[in-house]
Amino acid sequence: MLLTKTNYLLYKQCPQNAWVKIFEPKIYYSYELSDFDKMIMETGNEVDKLARELFPDGILIDDRKDNKITAELIAKKEKIIYQPVFFTEKFEAIADILVWNDEYNAYDIYEVKSTNSGENKKKRLEEYKYDLAFQFNVLNKLSIPINNTFIVRLNCDYIRQKELNVKELFDIVNLTDEVKSISEAVLEEMDNIHSVLKIENKPTDCSCIVKGKNSHCTTFSYLNPTVPEYSVHSISRIGSSKKKLAELIDLGIYSIYDVPEDFPLSDIQRNQVNVAQSKKIIIDKNELNKFLETIEYPISFIDYETFPSAIPRYIGYKPYNQIPFQFSLHVLEKEDSELKHFEFLHTENSIPDIHFIKEIEKVLPKTGSIIVWNKTFECAIVNDKIAERNNEYSLFIKNFNDRVIDLEVPFKKQFYIHPDFMGKTSIKYILPTLSPEFSYKTLNIQEGGTASETWNKIVSGNFDEHEIKEKSADLLAYCKLDTLAMFEIWKKCLE
């Protein structure tokens, strides 16, 4: 077995998950990727291909198992190689781009990442140096001279003009010193992992057992069959309380229903546990009513759908700026009036900003509260970015943001706690609990990642006319339920 760079990095995250991937691939790949995860992979491929334009006229190695062609190109000091393949007796590595450096008579390694330069910068670079160190060690084993090692990623400050400027789009970071400083330790780690990853060393447990649920490996449920669905890992922010979680696991407590009454937890964590164990609903009527009293008629329930384009698609956009392609709006003019619905969907491959904001301006009441779910996203990421690109609407957007009230707040602050929320405040948990007659499960699109990718395929020409009509109807139905859900949840809070 050759240890690949991917499996090395996977092992560092969870050794047991890496074992399952290598020796029980049917189980590993039976856990289907979400549309969001698939979109991330497609984005990575798209960014990788575009980065090659920084070093044009290179030779691409198509076969990811053919190291002979790579060896031939290296032997004649080929200037630029894309996706070169390297095997040693123990290891396998595929670099993104190799560039021959005449001055140092050696190759430079360029590893392309689809993240941007402003996203967890220090933490990301700390992770990436291990990626490069693996490649550095493999090439050293093959006596291939290496000069520098670089990370290539998207420049968060780049603003697209009419033509995409690839040189300005990417940020190149030299990690040579960092990589060389850890290369020996990484090589020792590589050797140890290679010797341990044997079929007979089937794991009996999983190191993710002491991590919060959001950090669990993909095969956690397979590796930990005795851990129930609603486990201690679902306790709010328990992943940030590593000592607490480790102590619960050491005590053999996996189910949230078994957490002792005297176990030290924060107020929010304790409330969640108590509600789960008692199966009783807790409503702080005083605080909930205070919140509801801040809502003024006419009430506008609004929701957006957006696409996070890694490579700026339109003029004025930066990497990963959200493209607002759709909204749904339900308006209740007064207490006994009929609920009105408005909607918008942009299906052309063109800048949607002006169309999007004009439609909102046309149908949104001039006064009253604007209800959203997750104010941070709806205002800061979408509206503020639209204002940056369209200054003429900055006053309208400021007025819009000033009127926004986040309906998720009473659930985040636990004014309303239900055992079936399972500690979550997502609308996907709250709606079916409070109004079970409404369900996302009846829709063809059931979550935001699928909605984003569906729109992307529409504007990218992946569907014919009939499919576009069908997919557009699915998008409208999904977004409509989001705003209807807020209306129904608001009504339940009033009871």
Protein backbone atom coordinates (compact mmCIF):
# COMPACT_ATOMS: atom_id res chain seq x y z
CA MET A 1 0.00 0.00 0.00
CA LEU A 2 1.25 3.46 -0.92
CA LEU A 3 0.34 6.22 1.51
CA THR A 4 -1.10 9.12 -0.47
CA LYS A 5 -0.96 12.75 0.57
CA THR A 6 -4.76 12.77 0.90
CA ASN A 7 -4.76 9.76 3.19
CA TYR A 8 -1.87 11.16 5.23
CA LEU A 9 -3.83 14.35 5.87
CA LEU A 10 -7.00 12.33 6.57
CA TYR A 11 -5.09 10.21 9.08
CA LYS A 12 -3.94 13.33 10.90
CA GLN A 13 -7.60 14.29 11.31
CA CYS A 14 -8.85 10.82 12.24
CA PRO A 15 -6.69 7.67 11.94
CA GLN A 16 -9.71 5.37 12.10
CA ASN A 17 -11.51 7.17 9.28
CA ALA A 18 -8.39 6.82 7.11
CA TRP A 19 -8.31 3.08 7.84
CA VAL A 20 -11.95 2.69 6.74
CA LYS A 21 -11.29 4.62 3.54
CA ILE A 22 -8.35 2.40 2.58
CA PHE A 23 -9.52 -1.03 3.71
CA GLU A 24 -13.31 -0.73 3.65
CA PRO A 25 -13.90 1.71 0.79
CA LYS A 26 -17.47 0.50 0.19
CA ILE A 27 -18.40 1.67 3.67
CA TYR A 28 -16.42 4.90 3.38
CA TYR A 29 -18.01 5.89 0.08
CA SER A 30 -21.48 4.77 1.15
CA TYR A 31 -21.75 8.02 3.08
CA GLU A 32 -22.98 10.19 0.25
CA LEU A 33 -21.58 13.68 -0.10
CA SER A 34 -24.02 16.56 0.30
CA ASP A 35 -24.59 18.92 -2.62
CA PHE A 36 -22.60 21.50 -0.65
CA ASP A 37 -19.62 19.13 -0.34
CA LYS A 38 -19.83 18.31 -4.05
CA MET A 39 -19.88 22.02 -4.82
CA ILE A 40 -16.70 22.49 -2.76
CA MET A 41 -14.96 19.74 -4.76
CA GLU A 42 -16.07 21.19 -8.07
CA THR A 43 -14.89 24.62 -6.94
CA GLY A 44 -11.48 23.15 -6.08
CA ASN A 45 -11.14 21.67 -9.55
CA GLU A 46 -12.21 24.92 -11.17
CA VAL A 47 -9.71 27.00 -9.17
CA ASP A 48 -6.94 24.46 -9.81
CA LYS A 49 -7.41 24.66 -13.58
CA LEU A 50 -7.52 28.45 -13.59
CA ALA A 51 -4.32 28.69 -11.52
CA ARG A 52 -2.45 26.95 -14.33
CA GLU A 53 -2.81 30.16 -16.31
CA LEU A 54 -0.25 31.68 -13.93
CA PHE A 55 2.24 29.29 -15.51
CA PRO A 56 1.02 28.75 -19.08
CA ASP A 57 2.07 26.15 -21.64
CA GLY A 58 2.74 23.40 -19.15
CA ILE A 59 2.22 19.68 -19.71
CA LEU A 60 -0.73 18.03 -17.95
CA ILE A 61 -0.43 14.48 -16.61
CA ASP A 62 -3.92 13.06 -17.19
CA ASP A 63 -3.38 9.61 -15.68
CA ARG A 64 -3.14 9.94 -11.91
CA LYS A 65 -1.44 6.54 -11.69
CA ASP A 66 1.21 7.05 -14.37
CA ASN A 67 4.45 8.18 -12.77
CA LYS A 68 6.56 7.15 -15.78
CA ILE A 69 5.61 10.16 -17.89
CA THR A 70 6.39 12.43 -14.94
CA ALA A 71 9.81 10.80 -14.50
CA GLU A 72 10.59 11.32 -18.20
CA LEU A 73 9.61 14.99 -18.03
CA ILE A 74 11.62 15.52 -14.85
CA ALA A 75 14.67 13.86 -16.41
CA LYS A 76 14.71 16.42 -19.23
CA LYS A 77 13.91 19.31 -16.85
CA GLU A 78 10.55 20.13 -18.38
CA LYS A 79 9.75 23.76 -17.49
CA ILE A 80 6.16 23.42 -16.26
CA ILE A 81 4.23 20.28 -15.30
CA TYR A 82 0.61 20.12 -14.14
CA GLN A 83 -0.48 17.28 -11.83
CA PRO A 84 2.85 15.39 -11.87
CA VAL A 85 2.67 11.94 -10.24
CA PHE A 86 5.36 10.57 -7.89
CA PHE A 87 5.72 7.12 -6.31
CA THR A 88 8.27 5.82 -3.82
CA GLU A 89 8.26 2.41 -2.13
CA LYS A 90 5.91 3.77 0.53
CA PHE A 91 4.39 7.00 -0.70
CA GLU A 92 2.41 8.56 -3.50
CA ALA A 93 2.12 12.29 -4.20
CA ILE A 94 0.51 14.39 -6.90
CA ALA A 95 1.59 18.00 -7.03
CA ASP A 96 -0.58 20.71 -8.54
CA ILE A 97 2.12 22.60 -10.44
CA LEU A 98 5.88 22.12 -10.76
CA VAL A 99 7.92 24.97 -12.24
CA TRP A 100 11.59 24.65 -13.15
CA ASN A 101 13.77 27.40 -11.66
CA ASP A 102 16.83 27.98 -13.87
CA GLU A 103 18.56 30.17 -11.29
CA TYR A 104 18.63 27.43 -8.65
CA ASN A 105 18.60 24.45 -11.01
CA ALA A 106 15.64 23.02 -9.12
CA TYR A 107 11.85 22.83 -9.17
CA ASP A 108 9.42 25.02 -7.27
CA ILE A 109 6.25 23.37 -5.95
CA TYR A 110 2.96 25.29 -6.18
CA GLU A 111 0.01 23.87 -4.24
CA VAL A 112 -3.32 25.40 -5.28
CA LYS A 113 -6.09 25.93 -2.72
CA SER A 114 -9.62 27.19 -3.34
CA THR A 115 -9.75 29.13 -0.06
CA ASN A 116 -9.18 32.88 -0.02
CA SER A 117 -6.40 34.86 1.65
CA GLY A 118 -8.67 36.40 4.28
CA GLU A 119 -10.24 33.17 5.54
CA ASN A 120 -8.64 31.94 8.82
CA LYS A 121 -5.32 32.98 7.33
CA LYS A 122 -2.96 31.81 10.06
CA LYS A 123 -4.81 28.55 10.77
CA ARG A 124 -5.07 27.65 7.09
CA LEU A 125 -1.38 28.23 6.40
CA GLU A 126 -0.53 26.10 9.43
CA GLU A 127 -2.48 23.22 7.83
CA TYR A 128 -1.10 23.78 4.35
CA LYS A 129 2.55 23.48 5.34
CA TYR A 130 1.98 19.78 6.16
CA ASP A 131 0.46 19.30 2.72
CA LEU A 132 3.58 20.79 1.12
CA ALA A 133 5.94 18.97 3.48
CA PHE A 134 4.53 15.61 2.34
CA GLN A 135 5.21 16.51 -1.29
CA PHE A 136 8.64 17.92 -0.42
CA ASN A 137 9.62 14.65 1.29
CA VAL A 138 8.40 12.43 -1.54
CA LEU A 139 10.32 14.43 -4.15
CA ASN A 140 13.41 14.42 -1.95
CA LYS A 141 13.19 10.63 -1.73
CA LEU A 142 13.26 10.57 -5.52
CA SER A 143 16.29 12.91 -5.58
CA ILE A 144 14.33 15.61 -7.39
CA PRO A 145 15.85 19.01 -6.54
CA ILE A 146 13.38 21.35 -4.83
CA ASN A 147 13.93 25.07 -4.35
CA ASN A 148 10.79 26.72 -2.97
CA THR A 149 7.32 25.58 -1.93
CA PHE A 150 4.34 27.87 -2.42
CA ILE A 151 0.63 28.01 -1.64
CA VAL A 152 -1.55 29.57 -4.35
CA ARG A 153 -4.94 30.77 -3.17
CA LEU A 154 -7.57 33.37 -4.01
CA ASN A 155 -6.88 37.00 -3.16
CA CYS A 156 -9.77 38.19 -0.99
CA ASP A 157 -9.14 41.84 -1.99
CA TYR A 158 -9.33 41.27 -5.74
CA ILE A 159 -12.30 42.99 -7.44
CA ARG A 160 -13.22 41.72 -10.86
CA GLN A 161 -13.33 44.14 -13.76
CA LYS A 162 -14.65 43.34 -17.24
CA GLU A 163 -11.90 40.78 -17.86
CA LEU A 164 -10.69 38.37 -15.21
CA ASN A 165 -7.09 39.16 -14.22
CA VAL A 166 -5.65 35.83 -13.14
CA LYS A 167 -2.42 37.30 -11.77
CA GLU A 168 -4.34 39.64 -9.47
CA LEU A 169 -6.94 37.00 -8.61
CA PHE A 170 -4.40 34.73 -6.91
CA ASP A 171 -2.27 35.29 -3.83
CA ILE A 172 1.01 33.32 -3.73
CA VAL A 173 2.55 32.59 -0.32
CA ASN A 174 6.08 31.26 0.10
CA LEU A 175 6.11 28.59 2.82
CA THR A 176 9.57 27.20 2.10
CA ASP A 177 11.11 27.98 5.50
CA GLU A 178 8.10 26.60 7.37
CA VAL A 179 8.04 23.45 5.25
CA LYS A 180 11.77 22.76 5.62
CA SER A 181 11.56 23.29 9.38
CA ILE A 182 9.02 20.47 9.77
CA SER A 183 10.06 18.19 6.90
CA GLU A 184 12.04 15.71 9.07
CA ALA A 185 9.27 15.44 11.65
CA VAL A 186 6.69 14.98 8.88
CA LEU A 187 8.81 12.27 7.23
CA GLU A 188 8.98 10.39 10.52
CA GLU A 189 5.22 10.79 10.85
CA MET A 190 4.72 9.52 7.28
CA ASP A 191 6.81 6.42 8.02
CA ASN A 192 4.90 5.73 11.23
CA ILE A 193 1.52 6.12 9.55
CA HIS A 194 2.57 3.82 6.70
CA SER A 195 3.64 1.13 9.15
CA VAL A 196 0.47 1.42 11.25
CA LEU A 197 -2.07 1.48 8.40
CA LYS A 198 -2.43 -2.27 7.97
CA ILE A 199 -5.58 -4.26 7.33
CA GLU A 200 -5.08 -6.25 10.53
CA ASN A 201 -5.06 -3.05 12.61
CA LYS A 202 -8.81 -2.53 12.36
CA PRO A 203 -9.79 0.25 14.79
CA THR A 204 -11.96 -0.56 17.77
CA ASP A 205 -12.87 3.05 18.46
CA CYS A 206 -12.58 6.50 16.89
CA SER A 207 -10.56 9.51 18.04
CA CYS A 208 -13.48 11.77 17.04
CA ILE A 209 -15.32 10.48 20.11
CA VAL A 210 -13.89 13.46 22.04
CA LYS A 211 -14.77 16.04 19.36
CA GLY A 212 -17.96 18.05 18.90
CA LYS A 213 -20.48 16.74 16.38
CA ASN A 214 -19.50 19.22 13.66
CA SER A 215 -15.93 17.87 13.79
CA HIS A 216 -16.82 14.20 13.46
CA CYS A 217 -15.33 12.16 10.64
CA THR A 218 -17.59 10.92 7.85
CA THR A 219 -17.67 7.34 9.17
CA PHE A 220 -18.26 8.25 12.82
CA SER A 221 -21.56 6.36 13.09
CA TYR A 222 -19.94 3.22 11.63
CA LEU A 223 -16.92 3.44 13.92
CA ASN A 224 -19.03 4.27 16.99
CA PRO A 225 -22.23 2.21 16.68
CA THR A 226 -23.03 2.50 20.41
CA VAL A 227 -23.17 6.31 20.29
CA PRO A 228 -26.83 7.36 19.92
CA GLU A 229 -28.07 9.97 17.45
CA TYR A 230 -28.80 12.46 20.22
CA SER A 231 -25.53 12.11 22.09
CA VAL A 232 -23.50 14.33 24.37
CA HIS A 233 -21.74 15.53 21.21
CA SER A 234 -24.94 17.41 20.33
CA ILE A 235 -24.81 19.55 23.48
CA SER A 236 -24.51 23.20 22.47
CA ARG A 237 -20.87 24.27 21.96
CA ILE A 238 -19.58 21.13 23.68
CA GLY A 239 -16.88 20.94 21.02
CA SER A 240 -15.48 24.18 22.46
CA SER A 241 -15.58 22.63 25.94
CA LYS A 242 -13.13 19.81 25.27
CA LYS A 243 -12.50 19.02 28.92
CA LYS A 244 -16.22 18.64 29.60
CA LEU A 245 -16.73 16.37 26.61
CA ALA A 246 -13.66 14.27 27.42
CA GLU A 247 -14.85 13.88 31.01
CA LEU A 248 -18.28 12.69 29.89
CA ILE A 249 -16.70 10.15 27.54
CA ASP A 250 -14.30 8.97 30.26
CA LEU A 251 -17.35 8.39 32.48
CA GLY A 252 -18.88 6.27 29.71
CA ILE A 253 -21.70 8.76 29.18
CA TYR A 254 -22.67 8.97 25.49
CA SER A 255 -26.37 9.74 25.55
CA ILE A 256 -27.60 13.23 26.41
CA TYR A 257 -30.30 11.50 28.46
CA ASP A 258 -27.65 10.09 30.81
CA VAL A 259 -25.83 13.33 31.69
CA PRO A 260 -25.81 13.62 35.50
CA GLU A 261 -27.78 16.42 37.11
CA ASP A 262 -24.67 17.71 38.91
CA PHE A 263 -22.36 17.64 35.89
CA PRO A 264 -20.96 21.17 35.35
CA LEU A 265 -22.44 22.79 32.23
CA SER A 266 -23.20 26.33 31.08
CA ASP A 267 -26.77 27.57 31.55
CA ILE A 268 -27.54 27.06 27.85
CA GLN A 269 -26.08 23.55 27.90
CA ARG A 270 -27.91 22.64 31.11
CA ASN A 271 -31.23 23.92 29.76
CA GLN A 272 -30.81 21.77 26.65
CA VAL A 273 -30.01 18.67 28.71
CA ASN A 274 -32.87 19.26 31.15
CA VAL A 275 -35.41 19.70 28.36
CA ALA A 276 -34.16 16.55 26.62
CA GLN A 277 -34.36 14.49 29.80
CA SER A 278 -37.69 15.84 31.05
CA LYS A 279 -39.24 15.97 27.57
CA LYS A 280 -40.90 19.19 28.71
CA ILE A 281 -41.10 22.41 26.71
CA ILE A 282 -39.68 25.51 28.41
CA ILE A 283 -40.99 28.91 27.33
CA ASP A 284 -39.83 32.12 28.95
CA LYS A 285 -43.04 34.05 28.28
CA ASN A 286 -41.69 37.30 29.67
CA GLU A 287 -38.58 37.42 27.46
CA LEU A 288 -40.40 35.99 24.45
CA ASN A 289 -43.11 38.64 24.68
CA LYS A 290 -40.51 41.40 25.03
CA PHE A 291 -38.97 40.18 21.79
CA LEU A 292 -42.31 39.90 19.98
CA GLU A 293 -43.27 43.42 21.05
CA THR A 294 -40.36 44.81 19.02
CA ILE A 295 -42.04 43.58 15.82
CA GLU A 296 -44.18 46.20 14.08
CA TYR A 297 -46.79 45.97 11.33
CA PRO A 298 -46.62 45.68 8.39
CA ILE A 299 -44.45 42.62 8.93
CA SER A 300 -42.25 41.44 6.06
CA PHE A 301 -40.83 37.91 6.17
CA ILE A 302 -37.96 37.71 3.69
CA ASP A 303 -35.37 35.13 2.68
CA TYR A 304 -32.61 35.09 0.05
CA GLU A 305 -30.84 32.37 -1.84
CA THR A 306 -27.28 33.04 -2.94
CA PHE A 307 -24.37 31.37 -4.71
CA PRO A 308 -20.83 31.74 -3.26
CA SER A 309 -18.77 32.00 -6.45
CA ALA A 310 -15.11 31.34 -5.62
CA ILE A 311 -13.98 32.84 -8.91
CA PRO A 312 -15.68 36.25 -9.27
CA ARG A 313 -18.23 35.79 -12.03
CA TYR A 314 -19.35 39.38 -12.49
CA ILE A 315 -17.88 42.90 -12.48
CA GLY A 316 -17.49 44.30 -8.95
CA TYR A 317 -17.43 40.90 -7.25
CA LYS A 318 -14.65 39.54 -5.04
CA PRO A 319 -13.82 35.84 -4.49
CA TYR A 320 -16.64 34.11 -2.64
CA ASN A 321 -18.93 37.15 -2.70
CA GLN A 322 -22.46 35.80 -2.50
CA ILE A 323 -24.47 36.20 -5.73
CA PRO A 324 -28.07 36.99 -4.66
CA PHE A 325 -30.20 35.26 -7.28
CA GLN A 326 -33.53 34.82 -5.51
CA PHE A 327 -35.81 36.05 -2.75
CA SER A 328 -39.19 35.19 -1.26
CA LEU A 329 -41.27 37.72 0.64
CA HIS A 330 -44.43 37.22 2.69
CA VAL A 331 -46.11 40.41 3.92
CA LEU A 332 -48.72 40.74 6.67
CA GLU A 333 -50.09 44.29 6.55
CA LYS A 334 -51.98 44.06 9.84
CA GLU A 335 -53.18 41.46 12.33
CA ASP A 336 -56.31 40.31 10.45
CA SER A 337 -55.16 40.91 6.87
CA GLU A 338 -54.44 38.27 4.26
CA LEU A 339 -50.84 37.12 3.91
CA LYS A 340 -49.37 38.29 0.59
CA HIS A 341 -46.52 36.61 -1.24
CA PHE A 342 -43.93 38.02 -3.66
CA GLU A 343 -40.99 36.27 -5.25
CA PHE A 344 -38.06 36.84 -7.58
CA LEU A 345 -35.68 34.49 -9.40
CA HIS A 346 -32.87 35.59 -11.71
CA THR A 347 -32.02 32.81 -14.18
CA GLU A 348 -29.80 34.69 -16.64
CA ASN A 349 -26.02 34.47 -16.49
CA SER A 350 -25.66 38.19 -15.73
CA ILE A 351 -25.23 40.47 -12.71
CA PRO A 352 -28.43 40.09 -10.67
CA ASP A 353 -27.78 42.92 -8.17
CA ILE A 354 -29.90 45.70 -9.67
CA HIS A 355 -32.78 43.39 -10.63
CA PHE A 356 -32.68 41.81 -7.17
CA ILE A 357 -32.69 45.06 -5.20
CA LYS A 358 -35.21 46.81 -7.48
CA GLU A 359 -37.69 43.98 -7.05
CA ILE A 360 -37.30 44.11 -3.27
CA GLU A 361 -37.74 47.90 -3.31
CA LYS A 362 -40.88 47.53 -5.42
CA VAL A 363 -42.72 45.04 -3.17
CA LEU A 364 -41.31 45.70 0.31
CA PRO A 365 -43.45 47.93 2.58
CA LYS A 366 -41.82 51.29 3.37
CA THR A 367 -42.33 50.81 7.11
CA GLY A 368 -42.64 48.01 9.61
CA SER A 369 -40.36 45.16 10.67
CA ILE A 370 -38.41 42.94 8.31
CA ILE A 371 -38.13 39.42 9.68
CA VAL A 372 -35.18 37.20 8.71
CA TRP A 373 -33.53 34.06 10.00
CA ASN A 374 -29.84 34.66 10.73
CA LYS A 375 -29.46 38.44 10.54
CA THR A 376 -25.67 38.28 10.22
CA PHE A 377 -25.88 36.55 6.87
CA GLU A 378 -28.90 38.33 5.48
CA CYS A 379 -27.58 41.83 6.26
CA ALA A 380 -23.81 41.74 6.43
CA ILE A 381 -23.01 39.23 3.71
CA VAL A 382 -25.75 40.00 1.20
CA ASN A 383 -27.11 43.52 1.63
CA ASP A 384 -23.88 45.23 2.67
CA LYS A 385 -22.01 43.68 -0.25
CA ILE A 386 -24.74 44.80 -2.65
CA ALA A 387 -24.41 48.32 -1.24
CA GLU A 388 -20.64 48.22 -1.81
CA ARG A 389 -21.19 47.37 -5.47
CA ASN A 390 -24.20 49.69 -5.96
CA ASN A 391 -23.73 52.92 -4.02
CA GLU A 392 -26.97 54.42 -5.37
CA TYR A 393 -28.90 51.91 -3.24
CA SER A 394 -26.86 52.35 -0.06
CA LEU A 395 -29.55 54.46 1.69
CA PHE A 396 -32.30 51.98 0.83
CA ILE A 397 -30.16 49.10 2.07
CA LYS A 398 -29.25 50.94 5.28
CA ASN A 399 -32.95 51.57 5.94
CA PHE A 400 -33.62 47.91 5.17
CA ASN A 401 -30.95 46.71 7.62
CA ASP A 402 -32.13 49.08 10.35
CA ARG A 403 -35.57 47.44 10.25
CA VAL A 404 -34.38 43.84 10.33
CA ILE A 405 -35.30 41.60 13.27
CA ASP A 406 -33.79 38.13 13.59
CA LEU A 407 -36.46 35.52 14.38
CA GLU A 408 -33.75 33.04 15.34
CA VAL A 409 -32.88 35.13 18.42
CA PRO A 410 -35.56 33.78 20.82
CA PHE A 411 -34.41 30.25 20.02
CA LYS A 412 -30.71 31.06 20.32
CA LYS A 413 -31.34 32.79 23.64
CA GLN A 414 -33.56 29.90 24.75
CA PHE A 415 -36.74 31.88 25.29
CA TYR A 416 -38.34 28.86 23.65
CA ILE A 417 -36.83 25.38 24.14
CA HIS A 418 -38.37 22.18 22.83
CA PRO A 419 -36.89 18.68 23.23
CA ASP A 420 -37.32 18.03 19.49
CA PHE A 421 -35.10 21.03 18.63
CA MET A 422 -32.20 18.83 19.86
CA GLY A 423 -30.27 21.96 20.72
CA LYS A 424 -30.47 23.30 17.16
CA THR A 425 -31.77 26.69 16.07
CA SER A 426 -31.92 26.01 12.34
CA ILE A 427 -35.29 26.72 10.75
CA LYS A 428 -35.14 23.14 9.43
CA TYR A 429 -35.48 21.91 13.03
CA ILE A 430 -37.81 24.57 14.40
CA LEU A 431 -40.50 24.45 11.66
CA PRO A 432 -41.34 20.72 11.68
CA THR A 433 -41.35 20.76 15.48
CA LEU A 434 -43.75 23.69 15.90
CA SER A 435 -45.75 23.18 12.69
CA PRO A 436 -45.42 19.53 11.63
CA GLU A 437 -47.88 20.02 8.77
CA PHE A 438 -45.10 21.91 6.97
CA SER A 439 -42.10 19.92 5.79
CA TYR A 440 -39.06 20.46 3.59
CA LYS A 441 -39.01 16.71 2.95
CA THR A 442 -41.84 17.04 0.42
CA LEU A 443 -39.74 19.41 -1.74
CA ASN A 444 -37.31 18.50 -4.52
CA ILE A 445 -34.88 21.04 -3.03
CA GLN A 446 -34.56 20.69 0.73
CA GLU A 447 -31.53 22.77 1.74
CA GLY A 448 -29.49 25.80 0.70
CA GLY A 449 -26.53 23.94 -0.80
CA THR A 450 -28.78 22.18 -3.30
CA ALA A 451 -30.52 25.47 -4.13
CA SER A 452 -27.18 27.19 -4.83
CA GLU A 453 -25.90 24.40 -7.02
CA THR A 454 -29.22 24.14 -8.90
CA TRP A 455 -29.08 27.85 -9.78
CA ASN A 456 -25.44 27.53 -10.81
CA LYS A 457 -26.32 24.73 -13.21
CA ILE A 458 -29.20 26.76 -14.66
CA VAL A 459 -27.03 29.77 -15.52
CA SER A 460 -24.10 27.58 -16.61
CA GLY A 461 -26.19 25.94 -19.32
CA ASN A 462 -26.40 22.47 -17.77
CA PHE A 463 -30.17 22.19 -18.31
CA ASP A 464 -32.45 22.37 -21.34
CA GLU A 465 -35.53 24.64 -21.45
CA HIS A 466 -37.85 22.06 -19.90
CA GLU A 467 -35.38 21.34 -17.08
CA ILE A 468 -34.84 25.06 -16.43
CA LYS A 469 -38.58 25.54 -16.01
CA GLU A 470 -38.77 22.54 -13.68
CA LYS A 471 -35.72 23.51 -11.61
CA SER A 472 -36.89 27.12 -11.37
CA ALA A 473 -40.20 25.93 -9.93
CA ASP A 474 -38.26 23.84 -7.38
CA LEU A 475 -36.19 26.87 -6.36
CA LEU A 476 -39.27 29.06 -5.95
CA ALA A 477 -41.03 26.41 -3.86
CA TYR A 478 -38.03 26.00 -1.57
CA CYS A 479 -37.52 29.72 -0.94
CA LYS A 480 -41.26 30.26 -0.48
CA LEU A 481 -41.37 27.69 2.29
CA ASP A 482 -38.52 29.49 4.09
CA THR A 483 -40.54 32.69 4.46
CA LEU A 484 -43.81 30.88 5.11
CA ALA A 485 -41.94 28.96 7.80
CA MET A 486 -40.96 32.20 9.53
CA PHE A 487 -44.57 33.36 9.44
CA GLU A 488 -45.78 30.06 10.95
CA ILE A 489 -43.07 30.08 13.63
CA TRP A 490 -43.90 33.70 14.52
CA LYS A 491 -47.57 32.71 14.91
CA LYS A 492 -46.65 29.83 17.20
CA CYS A 493 -44.60 32.20 19.36
CA LEU A 494 -47.66 34.40 19.76
CA GLU A 495 -49.78 31.57 21.19
